[in-house]
């Protein structure tokens, strides 16, 4: 995994919360589509872990008063990529 040395703590927390959201959505879809009850139980446990991580990250964001984050536009992302190349 590549981590840009110029990312701030706020950027990292924002990325982490969106990554956890994506992971949670993937677990939800897989749980709904699974016909194996044992697999569903394992995935539900994983989903529970993701929720705990999300809660911890959101708490860290709130402590720092960064809870008004927004998604970056494609143009903003392109500008950052160009800037740090």
PDB file of N, CA and C in Angstrom:
ATOM      1  N   UNK A   1       0.844  -1.185   0.000  1.00  0.00           N
ATOM      2  CA  UNK A   1       0.000   0.000   0.000  1.00  0.00           C
ATOM      3  C   UNK A   1       0.879   1.234   0.000  1.00  0.00           C
ATOM      4  N   UNK A   2       0.561   2.174  -0.842  1.00  0.00           N
ATOM      5  CA  UNK A   2       1.315   3.414  -0.958  1.00  0.00           C
ATOM      6  C   UNK A   2       0.638   4.498  -0.131  1.00  0.00           C
ATOM      7  N   UNK A   3       1.386   5.093   0.757  1.00  0.00           N
ATOM      8  CA  UNK A   3       0.857   6.208   1.553  1.00  0.00           C
ATOM      9  C   UNK A   3       1.718   7.429   1.271  1.00  0.00           C
ATOM     10  N   UNK A   4       1.103   8.453   0.781  1.00  0.00           N
ATOM     11  CA  UNK A   4       1.801   9.692   0.469  1.00  0.00           C
ATOM     12  C   UNK A   4       2.269  10.327   1.767  1.00  0.00           C
ATOM     13  N   UNK A   5       3.542  10.688   1.818  1.00  0.00           N
ATOM     14  CA  UNK A   5       4.081  11.288   3.042  1.00  0.00           C
ATOM     15  C   UNK A   5       3.514  12.680   3.303  1.00  0.00           C
ATOM     16  N   UNK A   6       2.774  13.224   2.327  1.00  0.00           N
ATOM     17  CA  UNK A   6       2.210  14.552   2.477  1.00  0.00           C
ATOM     18  C   UNK A   6       0.772  14.539   2.980  1.00  0.00           C
ATOM     19  N   UNK A   7       0.195  13.365   3.167  1.00  0.00           N
ATOM     20  CA  UNK A   7      -1.173  13.295   3.666  1.00  0.00           C
ATOM     21  C   UNK A   7      -1.192  13.715   5.133  1.00  0.00           C
ATOM     22  N   UNK A   8      -2.182  14.475   5.477  1.00  0.00           N
ATOM     23  CA  UNK A   8      -2.337  14.903   6.866  1.00  0.00           C
ATOM     24  C   UNK A   8      -3.088  13.829   7.646  1.00  0.00           C
ATOM     25  N   UNK A   9      -3.100  13.988   8.950  1.00  0.00           N
ATOM     26  CA  UNK A   9      -3.871  13.072   9.792  1.00  0.00           C
ATOM     27  C   UNK A   9      -5.351  13.128   9.414  1.00  0.00           C
ATOM     28  N   UNK A  10      -5.840  14.315   9.097  1.00  0.00           N
ATOM     29  CA  UNK A  10      -7.232  14.481   8.691  1.00  0.00           C
ATOM     30  C   UNK A  10      -7.504  13.714   7.402  1.00  0.00           C
ATOM     31  N   UNK A  11      -6.585  13.806   6.438  1.00  0.00           N
ATOM     32  CA  UNK A  11      -6.736  13.073   5.178  1.00  0.00           C
ATOM     33  C   UNK A  11      -6.758  11.566   5.421  1.00  0.00           C
ATOM     34  N   UNK A  12      -5.884  11.097   6.292  1.00  0.00           N
ATOM     35  CA  UNK A  12      -5.810   9.662   6.576  1.00  0.00           C
ATOM     36  C   UNK A  12      -7.080   9.161   7.259  1.00  0.00           C
ATOM     37  N   UNK A  13      -7.596   9.929   8.214  1.00  0.00           N
ATOM     38  CA  UNK A  13      -8.833   9.536   8.881  1.00  0.00           C
ATOM     39  C   UNK A  13     -10.013   9.549   7.911  1.00  0.00           C
ATOM     40  N   UNK A  14     -10.047  10.554   7.037  1.00  0.00           N
ATOM     41  CA  UNK A  14     -11.112  10.629   6.043  1.00  0.00           C
ATOM     42  C   UNK A  14     -11.039   9.416   5.110  1.00  0.00           C
ATOM     43  N   UNK A  15      -9.848   9.080   4.660  1.00  0.00           N
ATOM     44  CA  UNK A  15      -9.676   7.922   3.785  1.00  0.00           C
ATOM     45  C   UNK A  15     -10.076   6.639   4.504  1.00  0.00           C
ATOM     46  N   UNK A  16      -9.701   6.536   5.756  1.00  0.00           N
ATOM     47  CA  UNK A  16     -10.019   5.337   6.531  1.00  0.00           C
ATOM     48  C   UNK A  16     -11.527   5.166   6.707  1.00  0.00           C
ATOM     49  N   UNK A  17     -12.237   6.236   6.993  1.00  0.00           N
ATOM     50  CA  UNK A  17     -13.678   6.104   7.202  1.00  0.00           C
ATOM     51  C   UNK A  17     -14.380   5.728   5.899  1.00  0.00           C
ATOM     52  N   UNK A  18     -13.936   6.270   4.778  1.00  0.00           N
ATOM     53  CA  UNK A  18     -14.546   5.899   3.498  1.00  0.00           C
ATOM     54  C   UNK A  18     -14.187   4.473   3.105  1.00  0.00           C
ATOM     55  N   UNK A  19     -12.978   4.038   3.428  1.00  0.00           N
ATOM     56  CA  UNK A  19     -12.580   2.652   3.158  1.00  0.00           C
ATOM     57  C   UNK A  19     -13.401   1.678   3.998  1.00  0.00           C
ATOM     58  N   UNK A  20     -13.614   2.014   5.255  1.00  0.00           N
ATOM     59  CA  UNK A  20     -14.424   1.170   6.124  1.00  0.00           C
ATOM     60  C   UNK A  20     -15.880   1.123   5.634  1.00  0.00           C
ATOM     61  N   UNK A  21     -16.366   2.236   5.127  1.00  0.00           N
ATOM     62  CA  UNK A  21     -17.729   2.267   4.590  1.00  0.00           C
ATOM     63  C   UNK A  21     -17.839   1.325   3.387  1.00  0.00           C
ATOM     64  N   UNK A  22     -16.857   1.371   2.525  1.00  0.00           N
ATOM     65  CA  UNK A  22     -16.862   0.498   1.352  1.00  0.00           C
ATOM     66  C   UNK A  22     -16.777  -0.972   1.771  1.00  0.00           C
ATOM     67  N   UNK A  23     -15.933  -1.267   2.740  1.00  0.00           N
ATOM     68  CA  UNK A  23     -15.806  -2.629   3.249  1.00  0.00           C
ATOM     69  C   UNK A  23     -17.123  -3.098   3.869  1.00  0.00           C
ATOM     70  N   UNK A  24     -17.762  -2.234   4.619  1.00  0.00           N
ATOM     71  CA  UNK A  24     -19.042  -2.563   5.235  1.00  0.00           C
ATOM     72  C   UNK A  24     -20.097  -2.879   4.179  1.00  0.00           C
ATOM     73  N   UNK A  25     -20.146  -2.067   3.134  1.00  0.00           N
ATOM     74  CA  UNK A  25     -21.099  -2.315   2.048  1.00  0.00           C
ATOM     75  C   UNK A  25     -20.826  -3.653   1.365  1.00  0.00           C
ATOM     76  N   UNK A  26     -19.561  -3.987   1.196  1.00  0.00           N
ATOM     77  CA  UNK A  26     -19.204  -5.271   0.577  1.00  0.00           C
ATOM     78  C   UNK A  26     -19.642  -6.438   1.459  1.00  0.00           C
ATOM     79  N   UNK A  27     -19.414  -6.319   2.753  1.00  0.00           N
ATOM     80  CA  UNK A  27     -19.871  -7.366   3.675  1.00  0.00           C
ATOM     81  C   UNK A  27     -21.389  -7.509   3.619  1.00  0.00           C
ATOM     82  N   UNK A  28     -22.101  -6.392   3.609  1.00  0.00           N
ATOM     83  CA  UNK A  28     -23.562  -6.438   3.550  1.00  0.00           C
ATOM     84  C   UNK A  28     -24.050  -7.206   2.328  1.00  0.00           C
ATOM     85  N   UNK A  29     -23.486  -6.892   1.168  1.00  0.00           N
ATOM     86  CA  UNK A  29     -23.890  -7.579  -0.066  1.00  0.00           C
ATOM     87  C   UNK A  29     -23.583  -9.073   0.012  1.00  0.00           C
ATOM     88  N   UNK A  30     -22.409  -9.409   0.512  1.00  0.00           N
ATOM     89  CA  UNK A  30     -22.014 -10.810   0.579  1.00  0.00           C
ATOM     90  C   UNK A  30     -22.862 -11.580   1.578  1.00  0.00           C
ATOM     91  N   UNK A  31     -23.188 -10.967   2.690  1.00  0.00           N
ATOM     92  CA  UNK A  31     -24.053 -11.613   3.687  1.00  0.00           C
ATOM     93  C   UNK A  31     -25.418 -11.908   3.074  1.00  0.00           C
ATOM     94  N   UNK A  32     -25.957 -10.941   2.353  1.00  0.00           N
ATOM     95  CA  UNK A  32     -27.277 -11.115   1.750  1.00  0.00           C
ATOM     96  C   UNK A  32     -27.278 -12.204   0.679  1.00  0.00           C
ATOM     97  N   UNK A  33     -26.172 -12.371  -0.021  1.00  0.00           N
ATOM     98  CA  UNK A  33     -26.107 -13.326  -1.131  1.00  0.00           C
ATOM     99  C   UNK A  33     -25.625 -14.708  -0.722  1.00  0.00           C
ATOM    100  N   UNK A  34     -25.127 -14.833   0.487  1.00  0.00           N
ATOM    101  CA  UNK A  34     -24.560 -16.114   0.922  1.00  0.00           C
ATOM    102  C   UNK A  34     -25.659 -17.111   1.291  1.00  0.00           C
ATOM    103  N   UNK A  35     -25.473 -18.351   0.819  1.00  0.00           N
ATOM    104  CA  UNK A  35     -26.426 -19.408   1.173  1.00  0.00           C
ATOM    105  C   UNK A  35     -25.882 -20.302   2.287  1.00  0.00           C
ATOM    106  N   UNK A  36     -24.647 -20.053   2.687  1.00  0.00           N
ATOM    107  CA  UNK A  36     -24.006 -20.860   3.733  1.00  0.00           C
ATOM    108  C   UNK A  36     -24.120 -20.123   5.075  1.00  0.00           C
ATOM    109  N   UNK A  37     -24.806 -20.747   6.020  1.00  0.00           N
ATOM    110  CA  UNK A  37     -25.022 -20.077   7.316  1.00  0.00           C
ATOM    111  C   UNK A  37     -23.722 -19.862   8.086  1.00  0.00           C
ATOM    112  N   UNK A  38     -22.781 -20.793   7.965  1.00  0.00           N
ATOM    113  CA  UNK A  38     -21.498 -20.616   8.658  1.00  0.00           C
ATOM    114  C   UNK A  38     -20.733 -19.412   8.098  1.00  0.00           C
ATOM    115  N   UNK A  39     -20.738 -19.292   6.785  1.00  0.00           N
ATOM    116  CA  UNK A  39     -20.079 -18.143   6.158  1.00  0.00           C
ATOM    117  C   UNK A  39     -20.757 -16.843   6.577  1.00  0.00           C
ATOM    118  N   UNK A  40     -22.087 -16.843   6.604  1.00  0.00           N
ATOM    119  CA  UNK A  40     -22.815 -15.643   7.043  1.00  0.00           C
ATOM    120  C   UNK A  40     -22.420 -15.245   8.456  1.00  0.00           C
ATOM    121  N   UNK A  41     -22.271 -16.220   9.343  1.00  0.00           N
ATOM    122  CA  UNK A  41     -21.891 -15.917  10.725  1.00  0.00           C
ATOM    123  C   UNK A  41     -20.489 -15.301  10.792  1.00  0.00           C
ATOM    124  N   UNK A  42     -19.576 -15.836   9.999  1.00  0.00           N
ATOM    125  CA  UNK A  42     -18.213 -15.281   9.957  1.00  0.00           C
ATOM    126  C   UNK A  42     -18.248 -13.845   9.431  1.00  0.00           C
ATOM    127  N   UNK A  43     -19.004 -13.637   8.365  1.00  0.00           N
ATOM    128  CA  UNK A  43     -19.107 -12.301   7.782  1.00  0.00           C
ATOM    129  C   UNK A  43     -19.797 -11.318   8.725  1.00  0.00           C
ATOM    130  N   UNK A  44     -20.791 -11.785   9.456  1.00  0.00           N
ATOM    131  CA  UNK A  44     -21.440 -10.927  10.451  1.00  0.00           C
ATOM    132  C   UNK A  44     -20.454 -10.508  11.540  1.00  0.00           C
ATOM    133  N   UNK A  45     -19.585 -11.425  11.930  1.00  0.00           N
ATOM    134  CA  UNK A  45     -18.551 -11.094  12.915  1.00  0.00           C
ATOM    135  C   UNK A  45     -17.591 -10.046  12.338  1.00  0.00           C
ATOM    136  N   UNK A  46     -17.200 -10.241  11.083  1.00  0.00           N
ATOM    137  CA  UNK A  46     -16.324  -9.262  10.418  1.00  0.00           C
ATOM    138  C   UNK A  46     -17.018  -7.906  10.330  1.00  0.00           C
ATOM    139  N   UNK A  47     -18.291  -7.929  10.006  1.00  0.00           N
ATOM    140  CA  UNK A  47     -19.076  -6.702   9.911  1.00  0.00           C
ATOM    141  C   UNK A  47     -19.117  -5.984  11.260  1.00  0.00           C
ATOM    142  N   UNK A  48     -19.241  -6.734  12.320  1.00  0.00           N
ATOM    143  CA  UNK A  48     -19.231  -6.158  13.660  1.00  0.00           C
ATOM    144  C   UNK A  48     -17.891  -5.477  13.947  1.00  0.00           C
ATOM    145  N   UNK A  49     -16.802  -6.113  13.538  1.00  0.00           N
ATOM    146  CA  UNK A  49     -15.471  -5.513  13.716  1.00  0.00           C
ATOM    147  C   UNK A  49     -15.347  -4.207  12.933  1.00  0.00           C
ATOM    148  N   UNK A  50     -15.880  -4.191  11.721  1.00  0.00           N
ATOM    149  CA  UNK A  50     -15.842  -2.977  10.900  1.00  0.00           C
ATOM    150  C   UNK A  50     -16.610  -1.861  11.595  1.00  0.00           C
ATOM    151  N   UNK A  51     -17.765  -2.179  12.157  1.00  0.00           N
ATOM    152  CA  UNK A  51     -18.556  -1.158  12.868  1.00  0.00           C
ATOM    153  C   UNK A  51     -17.789  -0.585  14.061  1.00  0.00           C
ATOM    154  N   UNK A  52     -17.070  -1.439  14.776  1.00  0.00           N
ATOM    155  CA  UNK A  52     -16.275  -0.955  15.908  1.00  0.00           C
ATOM    156  C   UNK A  52     -15.160  -0.028  15.432  1.00  0.00           C
ATOM    157  N   UNK A  53     -14.520  -0.387  14.329  1.00  0.00           N
ATOM    158  CA  UNK A  53     -13.466   0.463  13.777  1.00  0.00           C
ATOM    159  C   UNK A  53     -14.048   1.791  13.308  1.00  0.00           C
ATOM    160  N   UNK A  54     -15.190   1.728  12.615  1.00  0.00           N
ATOM    161  CA  UNK A  54     -15.846   2.962  12.164  1.00  0.00           C
ATOM    162  C   UNK A  54     -16.153   3.867  13.352  1.00  0.00           C
ATOM    163  N   UNK A  55     -16.638   3.287  14.403  1.00  0.00           N
ATOM    164  CA  UNK A  55     -16.965   4.060  15.595  1.00  0.00           C
ATOM    165  C   UNK A  55     -15.724   4.727  16.173  1.00  0.00           C
ATOM    166  N   UNK A  56     -14.622   4.005  16.228  1.00  0.00           N
ATOM    167  CA  UNK A  56     -13.369   4.568  16.743  1.00  0.00           C
ATOM    168  C   UNK A  56     -12.856   5.699  15.865  1.00  0.00           C
ATOM    169  N   UNK A  57     -12.934   5.505  14.563  1.00  0.00           N
ATOM    170  CA  UNK A  57     -12.473   6.543  13.637  1.00  0.00           C
ATOM    171  C   UNK A  57     -13.366   7.772  13.742  1.00  0.00           C
ATOM    172  N   UNK A  58     -14.674   7.569  13.785  1.00  0.00           N
ATOM    173  CA  UNK A  58     -15.591   8.707  13.921  1.00  0.00           C
ATOM    174  C   UNK A  58     -15.365   9.457  15.228  1.00  0.00           C
ATOM    175  N   UNK A  59     -15.064   8.724  16.277  1.00  0.00           N
ATOM    176  CA  UNK A  59     -14.761   9.364  17.566  1.00  0.00           C
ATOM    177  C   UNK A  59     -13.498  10.226  17.445  1.00  0.00           C
ATOM    178  N   UNK A  60     -12.473   9.685  16.767  1.00  0.00           N
ATOM    179  CA  UNK A  60     -11.234  10.450  16.566  1.00  0.00           C
ATOM    180  C   UNK A  60     -11.500  11.705  15.743  1.00  0.00           C
ATOM    181  N   UNK A  61     -12.371  11.600  14.758  1.00  0.00           N
ATOM    182  CA  UNK A  61     -12.722  12.745  13.922  1.00  0.00           C
ATOM    183  C   UNK A  61     -13.469  13.792  14.743  1.00  0.00           C
ATOM    184  N   UNK A  62     -14.416  13.353  15.560  1.00  0.00           N
ATOM    185  CA  UNK A  62     -15.197  14.286  16.382  1.00  0.00           C
ATOM    186  C   UNK A  62     -14.344  14.979  17.433  1.00  0.00           C
ATOM    187  N   UNK A  63     -13.422  14.241  18.035  1.00  0.00           N
ATOM    188  CA  UNK A  63     -12.531  14.841  19.040  1.00  0.00           C
ATOM    189  C   UNK A  63     -11.754  16.003  18.443  1.00  0.00           C
ATOM    190  N   UNK A  64     -11.381  15.848  17.163  1.00  0.00           N
ATOM    191  CA  UNK A  64     -10.605  16.881  16.481  1.00  0.00           C
ATOM    192  C   UNK A  64     -11.495  17.927  15.793  1.00  0.00           C
ATOM    193  N   UNK A  65     -12.809  17.799  15.952  1.00  0.00           N
ATOM    194  CA  UNK A  65     -13.783  18.713  15.334  1.00  0.00           C
ATOM    195  C   UNK A  65     -13.656  18.741  13.816  1.00  0.00           C
ATOM    196  N   UNK A  66     -13.416  17.572  13.214  1.00  0.00           N
ATOM    197  CA  UNK A  66     -13.298  17.449  11.763  1.00  0.00           C
ATOM    198  C   UNK A  66     -14.518  16.744  11.189  1.00  0.00           C
ATOM    199  N   UNK A  67     -15.619  16.733  11.892  1.00  0.00           N
ATOM    200  CA  UNK A  67     -16.776  15.948  11.468  1.00  0.00           C
ATOM    201  C   UNK A  67     -17.588  16.596  10.360  1.00  0.00           C
ATOM    202  N   UNK A  68     -17.123  17.657   9.772  1.00  0.00           N
ATOM    203  CA  UNK A  68     -17.815  18.277   8.645  1.00  0.00           C
ATOM    204  C   UNK A  68     -17.070  17.997   7.338  1.00  0.00           C
ATOM    205  N   UNK A  69     -16.514  16.799   7.219  1.00  0.00           N
ATOM    206  CA  UNK A  69     -15.749  16.434   6.033  1.00  0.00           C
ATOM    207  C   UNK A  69     -16.676  16.209   4.847  1.00  0.00           C
ATOM    208  N   UNK A  70     -16.151  16.464   3.661  1.00  0.00           N
ATOM    209  CA  UNK A  70     -16.898  16.213   2.430  1.00  0.00           C
ATOM    210  C   UNK A  70     -16.023  15.385   1.494  1.00  0.00           C
ATOM    211  N   UNK A  71     -16.680  14.741   0.537  1.00  0.00           N
ATOM    212  CA  UNK A  71     -15.942  13.981  -0.465  1.00  0.00           C
ATOM    213  C   UNK A  71     -15.228  14.946  -1.404  1.00  0.00           C
ATOM    214  N   UNK A  72     -14.018  14.598  -1.781  1.00  0.00           N
ATOM    215  CA  UNK A  72     -13.272  15.423  -2.726  1.00  0.00           C
ATOM    216  C   UNK A  72     -13.797  15.176  -4.133  1.00  0.00           C
ATOM    217  N   UNK A  73     -13.801  16.229  -4.922  1.00  0.00           N
ATOM    218  CA  UNK A  73     -14.208  16.081  -6.319  1.00  0.00           C
ATOM    219  C   UNK A  73     -13.061  15.460  -7.114  1.00  0.00           C
ATOM    220  N   UNK A  74     -13.372  14.981  -8.311  1.00  0.00           N
ATOM    221  CA  UNK A  74     -12.324  14.415  -9.163  1.00  0.00           C
ATOM    222  C   UNK A  74     -11.254  15.458  -9.453  1.00  0.00           C
ATOM    223  N   UNK A  75     -11.662  16.691  -9.664  1.00  0.00           N
ATOM    224  CA  UNK A  75     -10.716  17.775  -9.958  1.00  0.00           C
ATOM    225  C   UNK A  75      -9.780  18.002  -8.777  1.00  0.00           C
ATOM    226  N   UNK A  76     -10.292  17.988  -7.549  1.00  0.00           N
ATOM    227  CA  UNK A  76      -9.457  18.162  -6.357  1.00  0.00           C
ATOM    228  C   UNK A  76      -8.441  17.025  -6.228  1.00  0.00           C
ATOM    229  N   UNK A  77      -8.877  15.819  -6.518  1.00  0.00           N
ATOM    230  CA  UNK A  77      -7.982  14.658  -6.449  1.00  0.00           C
ATOM    231  C   UNK A  77      -6.892  14.774  -7.508  1.00  0.00           C
ATOM    232  N   UNK A  78      -7.282  15.127  -8.730  1.00  0.00           N
ATOM    233  CA  UNK A  78      -6.300  15.299  -9.805  1.00  0.00           C
ATOM    234  C   UNK A  78      -5.279  16.382  -9.454  1.00  0.00           C
ATOM    235  N   UNK A  79      -5.741  17.479  -8.869  1.00  0.00           N
ATOM    236  CA  UNK A  79      -4.827  18.559  -8.482  1.00  0.00           C
ATOM    237  C   UNK A  79      -3.823  18.089  -7.439  1.00  0.00           C
ATOM    238  N   UNK A  80      -4.276  17.305  -6.455  1.00  0.00           N
ATOM    239  CA  UNK A  80      -3.368  16.790  -5.436  1.00  0.00           C
ATOM    240  C   UNK A  80      -2.363  15.811  -6.028  1.00  0.00           C
ATOM    241  N   UNK A  81      -2.828  14.940  -6.891  1.00  0.00           N
ATOM    242  CA  UNK A  81      -1.935  13.969  -7.519  1.00  0.00           C
ATOM    243  C   UNK A  81      -0.862  14.690  -8.317  1.00  0.00           C
ATOM    244  N   UNK A  82      -1.275  15.684  -9.086  1.00  0.00           N
ATOM    245  CA  UNK A  82      -0.334  16.459  -9.896  1.00  0.00           C
ATOM    246  C   UNK A  82       0.647  17.218  -9.009  1.00  0.00           C
ATOM    247  N   UNK A  83       0.145  17.771  -7.946  1.00  0.00           N
ATOM    248  CA  UNK A  83       0.969  18.574  -7.037  1.00  0.00           C
ATOM    249  C   UNK A  83       2.086  17.758  -6.390  1.00  0.00           C
ATOM    250  N   UNK A  84       1.820  16.515  -6.023  1.00  0.00           N
ATOM    251  CA  UNK A  84       2.790  15.721  -5.273  1.00  0.00           C
ATOM    252  C   UNK A  84       3.534  14.683  -6.109  1.00  0.00           C
ATOM    253  N   UNK A  85       3.421  14.775  -7.433  1.00  0.00           N
ATOM    254  CA  UNK A  85       4.174  13.850  -8.288  1.00  0.00           C
ATOM    255  C   UNK A  85       5.625  14.219  -8.332  1.00  0.00           C
TER     256      UNK A  85
END
